[in-house]
C-alpha atoms as a PDB file:
ATOM      1  CA  MET A   1      -3.247   4.897 -18.170  1.00  0.00           C
ATOM      2  CA  THR A   2      -5.056   6.539 -15.314  1.00  0.00           C
ATOM      3  CA  THR A   3      -8.045   5.007 -13.909  1.00  0.00           C
ATOM      4  CA  GLU A   4     -10.639   6.229 -11.318  1.00  0.00           C
ATOM      5  CA  ALA A   5     -11.048   4.243  -8.232  1.00  0.00           C
ATOM      6  CA  GLY A   6     -13.889   2.255  -9.611  1.00  0.00           C
ATOM      7  CA  THR A   7     -12.786   1.345 -13.058  1.00  0.00           C
ATOM      8  CA  GLY A   8      -9.856  -0.944 -12.852  1.00  0.00           C
ATOM      9  CA  GLY A   9      -6.208  -1.016 -13.516  1.00  0.00           C
ATOM     10  CA  ASP A  10      -3.560  -3.878 -13.871  1.00  0.00           C
ATOM     11  CA  LEU A  11      -2.892  -3.914 -10.109  1.00  0.00           C
ATOM     12  CA  ARG A  12      -6.398  -3.046  -8.964  1.00  0.00           C
ATOM     13  CA  PRO A  13      -7.112  -6.458  -7.356  1.00  0.00           C
ATOM     14  CA  VAL A  14      -3.891  -6.367  -5.205  1.00  0.00           C
ATOM     15  CA  VAL A  15      -4.588  -2.687  -4.323  1.00  0.00           C
ATOM     16  CA  ASP A  16      -8.180  -3.500  -3.347  1.00  0.00           C
ATOM     17  CA  ARG A  17      -6.929  -6.418  -1.165  1.00  0.00           C
ATOM     18  CA  PHE A  18      -4.238  -4.419   0.517  1.00  0.00           C
ATOM     19  CA  ILE A  19      -6.627  -1.551   1.381  1.00  0.00           C
ATOM     20  CA  ALA A  20      -9.253  -4.037   2.579  1.00  0.00           C
ATOM     21  CA  ALA A  21      -6.760  -5.785   4.782  1.00  0.00           C
ATOM     22  CA  THR A  22      -5.278  -2.701   6.236  1.00  0.00           C
ATOM     23  CA  ASN A  23      -8.821  -1.107   6.818  1.00  0.00           C
ATOM     24  CA  ALA A  24      -9.844  -4.246   8.651  1.00  0.00           C
ATOM     25  CA  PHE A  25      -6.520  -4.135  10.678  1.00  0.00           C
ATOM     26  CA  ASP A  26      -5.923  -7.628   9.475  1.00  0.00           C
ATOM     27  CA  VAL A  27      -1.999  -7.859   9.624  1.00  0.00           C
ATOM     28  CA  GLU A  28      -2.007 -11.451   8.370  1.00  0.00           C
ATOM     29  CA  ALA A  29      -4.184 -10.714   5.372  1.00  0.00           C
ATOM     30  CA  ALA A  30      -1.808  -7.792   4.545  1.00  0.00           C
ATOM     31  CA  LEU A  31       1.315  -9.720   4.944  1.00  0.00           C
ATOM     32  CA  ALA A  32      -0.004 -12.564   2.536  1.00  0.00           C
ATOM     33  CA  LEU A  33       0.042  -9.830  -0.158  1.00  0.00           C
ATOM     34  CA  PHE A  34       3.803  -9.465   0.131  1.00  0.00           C
ATOM     35  CA  ALA A  35       6.782 -11.338  -1.179  1.00  0.00           C
ATOM     36  CA  ALA A  36       9.203 -12.527   1.569  1.00  0.00           C
ATOM     37  CA  ASP A  37      11.931 -10.079   0.518  1.00  0.00           C
ATOM     38  CA  ALA A  38       9.507  -7.145  -0.014  1.00  0.00           C
ATOM     39  CA  VAL A  39      10.569  -3.512   0.746  1.00  0.00           C
ATOM     40  CA  ILE A  40       8.477  -0.584   1.878  1.00  0.00           C
ATOM     41  CA  ASP A  41      10.345   2.648   1.681  1.00  0.00           C
ATOM     42  CA  ASP A  42       8.498   5.607   3.317  1.00  0.00           C
ATOM     43  CA  PRO A  43      10.441   8.833   3.596  1.00  0.00           C
ATOM     44  CA  SER A  44       7.554  10.293   5.696  1.00  0.00           C
ATOM     45  CA  THR A  45       8.422   7.836   8.574  1.00  0.00           C
ATOM     46  CA  GLY A  46      12.203   8.152   8.032  1.00  0.00           C
ATOM     47  CA  SER A  47      12.484   4.515   7.515  1.00  0.00           C
ATOM     48  CA  ARG A  48      12.677   1.585   5.133  1.00  0.00           C
ATOM     49  CA  PHE A  49      11.015  -1.603   6.070  1.00  0.00           C
ATOM     50  CA  ASP A  50      12.522  -4.933   4.760  1.00  0.00           C
ATOM     51  CA  GLY A  51      11.010  -8.323   4.429  1.00  0.00           C
ATOM     52  CA  GLN A  52       8.023  -9.783   6.206  1.00  0.00           C
ATOM     53  CA  ALA A  53       9.155  -8.600   9.585  1.00  0.00           C
ATOM     54  CA  GLY A  54       9.431  -5.088   8.245  1.00  0.00           C
ATOM     55  CA  VAL A  55       6.176  -5.081   6.460  1.00  0.00           C
ATOM     56  CA  ARG A  56       4.401  -6.392   9.733  1.00  0.00           C
ATOM     57  CA  ASP A  57       6.111  -3.542  11.588  1.00  0.00           C
ATOM     58  CA  TYR A  58       4.972  -1.039   9.094  1.00  0.00           C
ATOM     59  CA  VAL A  59       1.296  -2.239   9.027  1.00  0.00           C
ATOM     60  CA  GLU A  60       1.033  -2.575  12.799  1.00  0.00           C
ATOM     61  CA  ARG A  61       2.634   0.824  13.434  1.00  0.00           C
ATOM     62  CA  PHE A  62       1.080   2.986  10.790  1.00  0.00           C
ATOM     63  CA  PHE A  63      -2.279   1.357  10.157  1.00  0.00           C
ATOM     64  CA  LEU A  64      -3.214  -0.283  13.434  1.00  0.00           C
ATOM     65  CA  GLY A  65      -1.312   2.269  15.565  1.00  0.00           C
ATOM     66  CA  TYR A  66      -2.978   5.207  14.061  1.00  0.00           C
ATOM     67  CA  GLN A  67      -6.289   3.550  13.313  1.00  0.00           C
ATOM     68  CA  THR A  68      -5.748   4.444   9.692  1.00  0.00           C
ATOM     69  CA  ALA A  69      -8.575   4.225   7.214  1.00  0.00           C
ATOM     70  CA  THR A  70      -7.701   4.247   3.525  1.00  0.00           C
ATOM     71  CA  ARG A  71      -9.674   5.198   0.506  1.00  0.00           C
ATOM     72  CA  LEU A  72      -8.479   4.705  -3.030  1.00  0.00           C
ATOM     73  CA  LEU A  73      -8.629   7.837  -5.067  1.00  0.00           C
ATOM     74  CA  SER A  74      -6.881   6.767  -8.457  1.00  0.00           C
ATOM     75  CA  ILE A  75      -4.513   4.253  -9.974  1.00  0.00           C
ATOM     76  CA  THR A  76      -2.027   5.061 -12.623  1.00  0.00           C
ATOM     77  CA  SER A  77      -0.474   2.051 -14.416  1.00  0.00           C
ATOM     78  CA  ILE A  78       3.102   2.700 -15.224  1.00  0.00           C
ATOM     79  CA  GLY A  79       3.983  -0.837 -16.287  1.00  0.00           C
ATOM     80  CA  GLU A  80       2.801  -4.348 -16.564  1.00  0.00           C
ATOM     81  CA  ARG A  81       3.473  -4.928 -12.714  1.00  0.00           C
ATOM     82  CA  GLN A  82       3.855  -1.328 -11.539  1.00  0.00           C
ATOM     83  CA  ALA A  83       1.352   1.353 -10.597  1.00  0.00           C
ATOM     84  CA  ARG A  84       1.141   4.651  -8.806  1.00  0.00           C
ATOM     85  CA  ILE A  85      -1.925   4.988  -6.478  1.00  0.00           C
ATOM     86  CA  ARG A  86      -3.249   7.969  -4.784  1.00  0.00           C
ATOM     87  CA  VAL A  87      -5.086   7.352  -1.638  1.00  0.00           C
ATOM     88  CA  ASP A  88      -6.836   9.314   1.065  1.00  0.00           C
ATOM     89  CA  PHE A  89      -5.605   8.473   4.644  1.00  0.00           C
ATOM     90  CA  THR A  90      -7.505   9.339   7.858  1.00  0.00           C
ATOM     91  CA  GLY A  91      -6.728   8.373  11.410  1.00  0.00           C
ATOM     92  CA  ASP A  92      -5.463   9.441  14.786  1.00  0.00           C
ATOM     93  CA  PHE A  93      -2.894  11.575  12.899  1.00  0.00           C
ATOM     94  CA  GLY A  94      -5.481  13.546  11.128  1.00  0.00           C
ATOM     95  CA  HIS A  95      -5.886  13.493   7.370  1.00  0.00           C
ATOM     96  CA  GLU A  96      -3.340  13.171   4.514  1.00  0.00           C
ATOM     97  CA  ILE A  97      -3.204  12.260   0.853  1.00  0.00           C
ATOM     98  CA  GLY A  98      -0.768   9.470   0.182  1.00  0.00           C
ATOM     99  CA  LEU A  99       1.136   8.374  -2.854  1.00  0.00           C
ATOM    100  CA  LEU A 100       2.131   4.800  -3.232  1.00  0.00           C
ATOM    101  CA  GLU A 101       4.142   3.296  -6.069  1.00  0.00           C
ATOM    102  CA  ILE A 102       3.586  -0.467  -5.971  1.00  0.00           C
ATOM    103  CA  VAL A 103       5.559  -3.103  -7.825  1.00  0.00           C
ATOM    104  CA  THR A 104       4.577  -6.815  -7.904  1.00  0.00           C
ATOM    105  CA  ASP A 105       6.355  -9.924  -9.013  1.00  0.00           C
ATOM    106  CA  PRO A 106       5.055 -12.267 -11.759  1.00  0.00           C
ATOM    107  CA  ALA A 107       2.989 -14.228  -9.060  1.00  0.00           C
ATOM    108  CA  GLY A 108       1.285 -10.949  -8.062  1.00  0.00           C
ATOM    109  CA  LEU A 109       2.923 -10.581  -4.682  1.00  0.00           C
ATOM    110  CA  ILE A 110       4.031  -6.943  -3.771  1.00  0.00           C
ATOM    111  CA  VAL A 111       7.748  -6.673  -3.862  1.00  0.00           C
ATOM    112  CA  ARG A 112       8.094  -2.948  -3.382  1.00  0.00           C
ATOM    113  CA  ILE A 113       6.069   0.015  -2.121  1.00  0.00           C
ATOM    114  CA  ASP A 114       7.557   3.497  -2.294  1.00  0.00           C
ATOM    115  CA  ALA A 115       5.214   5.691  -0.092  1.00  0.00           C
ATOM    116  CA  ASP A 116       5.051   9.334   0.659  1.00  0.00           C
ATOM    117  CA  PHE A 117       2.458  12.051   1.211  1.00  0.00           C
ATOM    118  CA  GLU A 118       1.554  14.746  -1.343  1.00  0.00           C
END
């Protein structure tokens, strides 16, 4: 099911909290959304980020470091705890449309994000 940014989706609350935390450059709030063994795989950076230390590095480097502002464009639910989101990124790097596939555990914590640009 595809939903527009304002209409919901199974992972909408966690997506909204992630975007709010990164837009506020609140690393601790962002980290609180991730499982201890979470993975962010982002080919656009050439790296994979593992665990809380990796997630911290990713958020600090690519959200704080580039003063990235994120705006949700759409959510497509692809499972009970999995969704693809399309976001608009702006920052010191310019402008990009990002695609994030997010997977959560039963407790609602993010266990994996596969990220790339359109």
